[in-house]
Protein backbone atom coordinates (compact mmCIF):
# COMPACT_ATOMS: atom_id res chain seq x y z
CA UNK A 1 0.00 0.00 0.00
CA UNK A 2 3.00 2.26 -0.45
CA UNK A 3 1.48 3.52 -3.73
CA UNK A 4 -1.68 4.60 -1.94
CA UNK A 5 0.27 6.41 0.78
CA UNK A 6 2.47 8.19 -1.77
CA UNK A 7 -0.57 9.06 -3.90
CA UNK A 8 -2.24 10.57 -0.82
CA UNK A 9 0.83 12.73 -0.17
CA UNK A 10 0.94 13.82 -3.80
CA UNK A 11 -2.77 14.61 -3.72
CA UNK A 12 -2.32 16.99 -0.79
CA UNK A 13 0.89 18.51 -2.14
CA UNK A 14 -0.51 19.18 -5.63
CA UNK A 15 -4.16 19.72 -4.70
CA UNK A 16 -4.39 23.39 -5.75
CA UNK A 17 -2.61 22.83 -9.07
CA UNK A 18 -3.86 19.42 -10.16
CA UNK A 19 -6.86 18.26 -8.16
CA UNK A 20 -8.87 21.40 -7.42
CA UNK A 21 -11.99 19.77 -8.90
CA UNK A 22 -11.93 16.93 -6.37
CA UNK A 23 -12.95 16.97 -2.72
CA UNK A 24 -10.08 18.29 -0.63
CA UNK A 25 -10.67 15.67 2.10
CA UNK A 26 -10.46 12.71 -0.30
CA UNK A 27 -9.06 9.53 1.20
CA UNK A 28 -7.09 8.04 -1.68
CA UNK A 29 -7.71 4.36 -2.36
CA UNK A 30 -6.07 2.04 -4.85
CA UNK A 31 -8.83 2.76 -7.36
CA UNK A 32 -8.02 6.51 -7.14
CA UNK A 33 -4.34 6.11 -8.04
CA UNK A 34 -4.89 6.22 -11.84
CA UNK A 35 -6.72 9.55 -11.50
CA UNK A 36 -3.93 10.93 -9.30
CA UNK A 37 -1.37 9.81 -11.89
CA UNK A 38 -3.37 11.42 -14.70
CA UNK A 39 -3.66 14.72 -12.85
CA UNK A 40 0.03 14.79 -12.00
CA UNK A 41 1.02 14.07 -15.58
CA UNK A 42 -1.30 16.66 -17.03
CA UNK A 43 -0.96 19.56 -14.59
CA UNK A 44 1.97 18.80 -12.26
CA UNK A 45 4.79 20.04 -14.44
CA UNK A 46 8.05 18.16 -14.65
CA UNK A 47 8.15 17.38 -10.93
CA UNK A 48 4.60 16.05 -10.96
CA UNK A 49 5.26 14.02 -14.10
CA UNK A 50 8.26 12.33 -12.48
CA UNK A 51 6.24 11.61 -9.35
CA UNK A 52 3.47 10.09 -11.46
CA UNK A 53 6.00 7.73 -13.03
CA UNK A 54 7.04 6.53 -9.56
CA UNK A 55 3.40 5.84 -8.71
CA UNK A 56 3.09 3.65 -11.79
CA UNK A 57 5.86 1.25 -10.75
PDB file of N, CA and C in Angstrom:
ATOM      1  N   UNK A   1       0.800  -1.189   0.000  1.00  0.00           N
ATOM      2  CA  UNK A   1       0.000   0.000   0.000  1.00  0.00           C
ATOM      3  C   UNK A   1       0.853   1.267   0.000  1.00  0.00           C
ATOM      4  N   UNK A   2       2.106   1.102  -0.358  1.00  0.00           N
ATOM      5  CA  UNK A   2       2.997   2.258  -0.453  1.00  0.00           C
ATOM      6  C   UNK A   2       2.499   3.210  -1.531  1.00  0.00           C
ATOM      7  N   UNK A   3       1.997   2.666  -2.646  1.00  0.00           N
ATOM      8  CA  UNK A   3       1.483   3.515  -3.730  1.00  0.00           C
ATOM      9  C   UNK A   3       0.342   4.393  -3.246  1.00  0.00           C
ATOM     10  N   UNK A   4      -0.535   3.835  -2.444  1.00  0.00           N
ATOM     11  CA  UNK A   4      -1.683   4.600  -1.945  1.00  0.00           C
ATOM     12  C   UNK A   4      -1.201   5.713  -1.017  1.00  0.00           C
ATOM     13  N   UNK A   5      -0.270   5.401  -0.143  1.00  0.00           N
ATOM     14  CA  UNK A   5       0.267   6.405   0.778  1.00  0.00           C
ATOM     15  C   UNK A   5       0.967   7.524   0.015  1.00  0.00           C
ATOM     16  N   UNK A   6       1.782   7.174  -0.969  1.00  0.00           N
ATOM     17  CA  UNK A   6       2.473   8.188  -1.766  1.00  0.00           C
ATOM     18  C   UNK A   6       1.498   8.992  -2.621  1.00  0.00           C
ATOM     19  N   UNK A   7       0.460   8.349  -3.123  1.00  0.00           N
ATOM     20  CA  UNK A   7      -0.568   9.060  -3.896  1.00  0.00           C
ATOM     21  C   UNK A   7      -1.318  10.036  -3.002  1.00  0.00           C
ATOM     22  N   UNK A   8      -1.571   9.669  -1.762  1.00  0.00           N
ATOM     23  CA  UNK A   8      -2.244  10.566  -0.817  1.00  0.00           C
ATOM     24  C   UNK A   8      -1.382  11.801  -0.556  1.00  0.00           C
ATOM     25  N   UNK A   9      -0.084  11.595  -0.372  1.00  0.00           N
ATOM     26  CA  UNK A   9       0.828  12.727  -0.167  1.00  0.00           C
ATOM     27  C   UNK A   9       0.848  13.638  -1.388  1.00  0.00           C
ATOM     28  N   UNK A  10       0.925  13.030  -2.564  1.00  0.00           N
ATOM     29  CA  UNK A  10       0.940  13.815  -3.801  1.00  0.00           C
ATOM     30  C   UNK A  10      -0.365  14.575  -3.977  1.00  0.00           C
ATOM     31  N   UNK A  11      -1.473  13.956  -3.617  1.00  0.00           N
ATOM     32  CA  UNK A  11      -2.770  14.613  -3.723  1.00  0.00           C
ATOM     33  C   UNK A  11      -2.792  15.887  -2.889  1.00  0.00           C
ATOM     34  N   UNK A  12      -2.315  15.804  -1.657  1.00  0.00           N
ATOM     35  CA  UNK A  12      -2.319  16.986  -0.794  1.00  0.00           C
ATOM     36  C   UNK A  12      -1.305  18.025  -1.263  1.00  0.00           C
ATOM     37  N   UNK A  13      -0.157  17.575  -1.703  1.00  0.00           N
ATOM     38  CA  UNK A  13       0.890  18.512  -2.139  1.00  0.00           C
ATOM     39  C   UNK A  13       0.488  19.265  -3.408  1.00  0.00           C
ATOM     40  N   UNK A  14      -0.162  18.595  -4.333  1.00  0.00           N
ATOM     41  CA  UNK A  14      -0.509  19.178  -5.628  1.00  0.00           C
ATOM     42  C   UNK A  14      -2.001  19.497  -5.751  1.00  0.00           C
ATOM     43  N   UNK A  15      -2.711  19.530  -4.648  1.00  0.00           N
ATOM     44  CA  UNK A  15      -4.156  19.717  -4.704  1.00  0.00           C
ATOM     45  C   UNK A  15      -4.552  20.981  -5.478  1.00  0.00           C
ATOM     46  N   UNK A  16      -3.986  22.113  -5.135  1.00  0.00           N
ATOM     47  CA  UNK A  16      -4.387  23.387  -5.754  1.00  0.00           C
ATOM     48  C   UNK A  16      -4.081  23.416  -7.249  1.00  0.00           C
ATOM     49  N   UNK A  17      -3.015  22.791  -7.659  1.00  0.00           N
ATOM     50  CA  UNK A  17      -2.612  22.833  -9.065  1.00  0.00           C
ATOM     51  C   UNK A  17      -3.281  21.757  -9.903  1.00  0.00           C
ATOM     52  N   UNK A  18      -3.437  20.570  -9.357  1.00  0.00           N
ATOM     53  CA  UNK A  18      -3.856  19.425 -10.163  1.00  0.00           C
ATOM     54  C   UNK A  18      -5.227  18.845  -9.825  1.00  0.00           C
ATOM     55  N   UNK A  19      -5.667  18.991  -8.606  1.00  0.00           N
ATOM     56  CA  UNK A  19      -6.858  18.262  -8.163  1.00  0.00           C
ATOM     57  C   UNK A  19      -7.921  19.173  -7.560  1.00  0.00           C
ATOM     58  N   UNK A  20      -7.939  20.415  -7.958  1.00  0.00           N
ATOM     59  CA  UNK A  20      -8.872  21.404  -7.417  1.00  0.00           C
ATOM     60  C   UNK A  20     -10.329  21.005  -7.623  1.00  0.00           C
ATOM     61  N   UNK A  21     -10.607  20.169  -8.592  1.00  0.00           N
ATOM     62  CA  UNK A  21     -11.985  19.773  -8.901  1.00  0.00           C
ATOM     63  C   UNK A  21     -12.464  18.604  -8.049  1.00  0.00           C
ATOM     64  N   UNK A  22     -11.585  18.051  -7.237  1.00  0.00           N
ATOM     65  CA  UNK A  22     -11.935  16.925  -6.375  1.00  0.00           C
ATOM     66  C   UNK A  22     -12.124  17.411  -4.938  1.00  0.00           C
ATOM     67  N   UNK A  23     -12.776  16.608  -4.136  1.00  0.00           N
ATOM     68  CA  UNK A  23     -12.945  16.966  -2.719  1.00  0.00           C
ATOM     69  C   UNK A  23     -11.583  17.084  -2.055  1.00  0.00           C
ATOM     70  N   UNK A  24     -11.389  18.098  -1.251  1.00  0.00           N
ATOM     71  CA  UNK A  24     -10.080  18.292  -0.627  1.00  0.00           C
ATOM     72  C   UNK A  24      -9.818  17.319   0.521  1.00  0.00           C
ATOM     73  N   UNK A  25     -10.854  16.642   1.018  1.00  0.00           N
ATOM     74  CA  UNK A  25     -10.668  15.671   2.096  1.00  0.00           C
ATOM     75  C   UNK A  25     -10.713  14.223   1.581  1.00  0.00           C
ATOM     76  N   UNK A  26     -10.427  14.038   0.314  1.00  0.00           N
ATOM     77  CA  UNK A  26     -10.458  12.712  -0.300  1.00  0.00           C
ATOM     78  C   UNK A  26      -9.465  11.777   0.373  1.00  0.00           C
ATOM     79  N   UNK A  27      -9.937  10.596   0.710  1.00  0.00           N
ATOM     80  CA  UNK A  27      -9.056   9.530   1.198  1.00  0.00           C
ATOM     81  C   UNK A  27      -8.720   8.665  -0.005  1.00  0.00           C
ATOM     82  N   UNK A  28      -7.508   8.746  -0.460  1.00  0.00           N
ATOM     83  CA  UNK A  28      -7.092   8.045  -1.676  1.00  0.00           C
ATOM     84  C   UNK A  28      -7.104   6.540  -1.435  1.00  0.00           C
ATOM     85  N   UNK A  29      -7.710   5.818  -2.376  1.00  0.00           N
ATOM     86  CA  UNK A  29      -7.711   4.364  -2.364  1.00  0.00           C
ATOM     87  C   UNK A  29      -6.960   3.882  -3.608  1.00  0.00           C
ATOM     88  N   UNK A  30      -6.785   2.600  -3.703  1.00  0.00           N
ATOM     89  CA  UNK A  30      -6.074   2.042  -4.852  1.00  0.00           C
ATOM     90  C   UNK A  30      -6.786   2.367  -6.162  1.00  0.00           C
ATOM     91  N   UNK A  31      -8.087   2.439  -6.139  1.00  0.00           N
ATOM     92  CA  UNK A  31      -8.828   2.763  -7.364  1.00  0.00           C
ATOM     93  C   UNK A  31      -8.685   4.236  -7.760  1.00  0.00           C
ATOM     94  N   UNK A  32      -8.233   5.096  -6.846  1.00  0.00           N
ATOM     95  CA  UNK A  32      -8.023   6.513  -7.142  1.00  0.00           C
ATOM     96  C   UNK A  32      -6.647   6.801  -7.732  1.00  0.00           C
ATOM     97  N   UNK A  33      -5.721   5.880  -7.595  1.00  0.00           N
ATOM     98  CA  UNK A  33      -4.343   6.111  -8.037  1.00  0.00           C
ATOM     99  C   UNK A  33      -4.258   6.470  -9.523  1.00  0.00           C
ATOM    100  N   UNK A  34      -4.977   5.810 -10.431  1.00  0.00           N
ATOM    101  CA  UNK A  34      -4.891   6.220 -11.845  1.00  0.00           C
ATOM    102  C   UNK A  34      -5.309   7.669 -12.084  1.00  0.00           C
ATOM    103  N   UNK A  35      -6.299   8.154 -11.357  1.00  0.00           N
ATOM    104  CA  UNK A  35      -6.724   9.553 -11.501  1.00  0.00           C
ATOM    105  C   UNK A  35      -5.669  10.506 -10.938  1.00  0.00           C
ATOM    106  N   UNK A  36      -5.011  10.122  -9.868  1.00  0.00           N
ATOM    107  CA  UNK A  36      -3.927  10.930  -9.305  1.00  0.00           C
ATOM    108  C   UNK A  36      -2.774  10.997 -10.300  1.00  0.00           C
ATOM    109  N   UNK A  37      -2.436   9.863 -10.892  1.00  0.00           N
ATOM    110  CA  UNK A  37      -1.367   9.814 -11.891  1.00  0.00           C
ATOM    111  C   UNK A  37      -1.719  10.695 -13.089  1.00  0.00           C
ATOM    112  N   UNK A  38      -2.951  10.609 -13.564  1.00  0.00           N
ATOM    113  CA  UNK A  38      -3.373  11.421 -14.705  1.00  0.00           C
ATOM    114  C   UNK A  38      -3.258  12.911 -14.404  1.00  0.00           C
ATOM    115  N   UNK A  39      -3.730  13.310 -13.238  1.00  0.00           N
ATOM    116  CA  UNK A  39      -3.660  14.719 -12.852  1.00  0.00           C
ATOM    117  C   UNK A  39      -2.236  15.219 -12.723  1.00  0.00           C
ATOM    118  N   UNK A  40      -1.368  14.402 -12.145  1.00  0.00           N
ATOM    119  CA  UNK A  40       0.030  14.790 -12.004  1.00  0.00           C
ATOM    120  C   UNK A  40       0.697  14.929 -13.360  1.00  0.00           C
ATOM    121  N   UNK A  41       0.420  14.000 -14.246  1.00  0.00           N
ATOM    122  CA  UNK A  41       1.020  14.075 -15.580  1.00  0.00           C
ATOM    123  C   UNK A  41       0.542  15.288 -16.364  1.00  0.00           C
ATOM    124  N   UNK A  42      -0.719  15.601 -16.230  1.00  0.00           N
ATOM    125  CA  UNK A  42      -1.299  16.665 -17.033  1.00  0.00           C
ATOM    126  C   UNK A  42      -1.007  18.054 -16.481  1.00  0.00           C
ATOM    127  N   UNK A  43      -1.055  18.227 -15.176  1.00  0.00           N
ATOM    128  CA  UNK A  43      -0.962  19.563 -14.593  1.00  0.00           C
ATOM    129  C   UNK A  43       0.201  19.758 -13.617  1.00  0.00           C
ATOM    130  N   UNK A  44       0.949  18.717 -13.313  1.00  0.00           N
ATOM    131  CA  UNK A  44       1.966  18.796 -12.263  1.00  0.00           C
ATOM    132  C   UNK A  44       3.330  19.283 -12.699  1.00  0.00           C
ATOM    133  N   UNK A  45       3.477  19.618 -13.965  1.00  0.00           N
ATOM    134  CA  UNK A  45       4.791  20.043 -14.438  1.00  0.00           C
ATOM    135  C   UNK A  45       5.770  18.885 -14.434  1.00  0.00           C
ATOM    136  N   UNK A  46       7.022  19.203 -14.584  1.00  0.00           N
ATOM    137  CA  UNK A  46       8.047  18.156 -14.645  1.00  0.00           C
ATOM    138  C   UNK A  46       8.110  17.354 -13.348  1.00  0.00           C
ATOM    139  N   UNK A  47       8.065  18.048 -12.232  1.00  0.00           N
ATOM    140  CA  UNK A  47       8.146  17.380 -10.935  1.00  0.00           C
ATOM    141  C   UNK A  47       6.959  16.430 -10.728  1.00  0.00           C
ATOM    142  N   UNK A  48       5.775  16.892 -11.079  1.00  0.00           N
ATOM    143  CA  UNK A  48       4.597  16.046 -10.963  1.00  0.00           C
ATOM    144  C   UNK A  48       4.639  14.863 -11.909  1.00  0.00           C
ATOM    145  N   UNK A  49       5.152  15.098 -13.115  1.00  0.00           N
ATOM    146  CA  UNK A  49       5.262  14.022 -14.095  1.00  0.00           C
ATOM    147  C   UNK A  49       6.192  12.920 -13.583  1.00  0.00           C
ATOM    148  N   UNK A  50       7.319  13.316 -13.010  1.00  0.00           N
ATOM    149  CA  UNK A  50       8.255  12.325 -12.478  1.00  0.00           C
ATOM    150  C   UNK A  50       7.657  11.571 -11.295  1.00  0.00           C
ATOM    151  N   UNK A  51       6.913  12.261 -10.468  1.00  0.00           N
ATOM    152  CA  UNK A  51       6.245  11.610  -9.352  1.00  0.00           C
ATOM    153  C   UNK A  51       5.199  10.626  -9.840  1.00  0.00           C
ATOM    154  N   UNK A  52       4.469  10.992 -10.882  1.00  0.00           N
ATOM    155  CA  UNK A  52       3.469  10.092 -11.460  1.00  0.00           C
ATOM    156  C   UNK A  52       4.123   8.806 -11.953  1.00  0.00           C
ATOM    157  N   UNK A  53       5.291   8.931 -12.546  1.00  0.00           N
ATOM    158  CA  UNK A  53       6.001   7.730 -13.026  1.00  0.00           C
ATOM    159  C   UNK A  53       6.357   6.809 -11.869  1.00  0.00           C
ATOM    160  N   UNK A  54       6.739   7.368 -10.723  1.00  0.00           N
ATOM    161  CA  UNK A  54       7.039   6.532  -9.558  1.00  0.00           C
ATOM    162  C   UNK A  54       5.797   5.812  -9.048  1.00  0.00           C
ATOM    163  N   UNK A  55       4.646   6.474  -9.154  1.00  0.00           N
ATOM    164  CA  UNK A  55       3.403   5.840  -8.707  1.00  0.00           C
ATOM    165  C   UNK A  55       2.973   4.702  -9.608  1.00  0.00           C
ATOM    166  N   UNK A  56       3.456   4.702 -10.835  1.00  0.00           N
ATOM    167  CA  UNK A  56       3.092   3.646 -11.792  1.00  0.00           C
ATOM    168  C   UNK A  56       3.913   2.382 -11.615  1.00  0.00           C
ATOM    169  N   UNK A  57       4.992   2.436 -10.902  1.00  0.00           N
ATOM    170  CA  UNK A  57       5.862   1.254 -10.746  1.00  0.00           C
ATOM    171  C   UNK A  57       5.264   0.224  -9.821  1.00  0.00           C
TER     172      UNK A  57
END
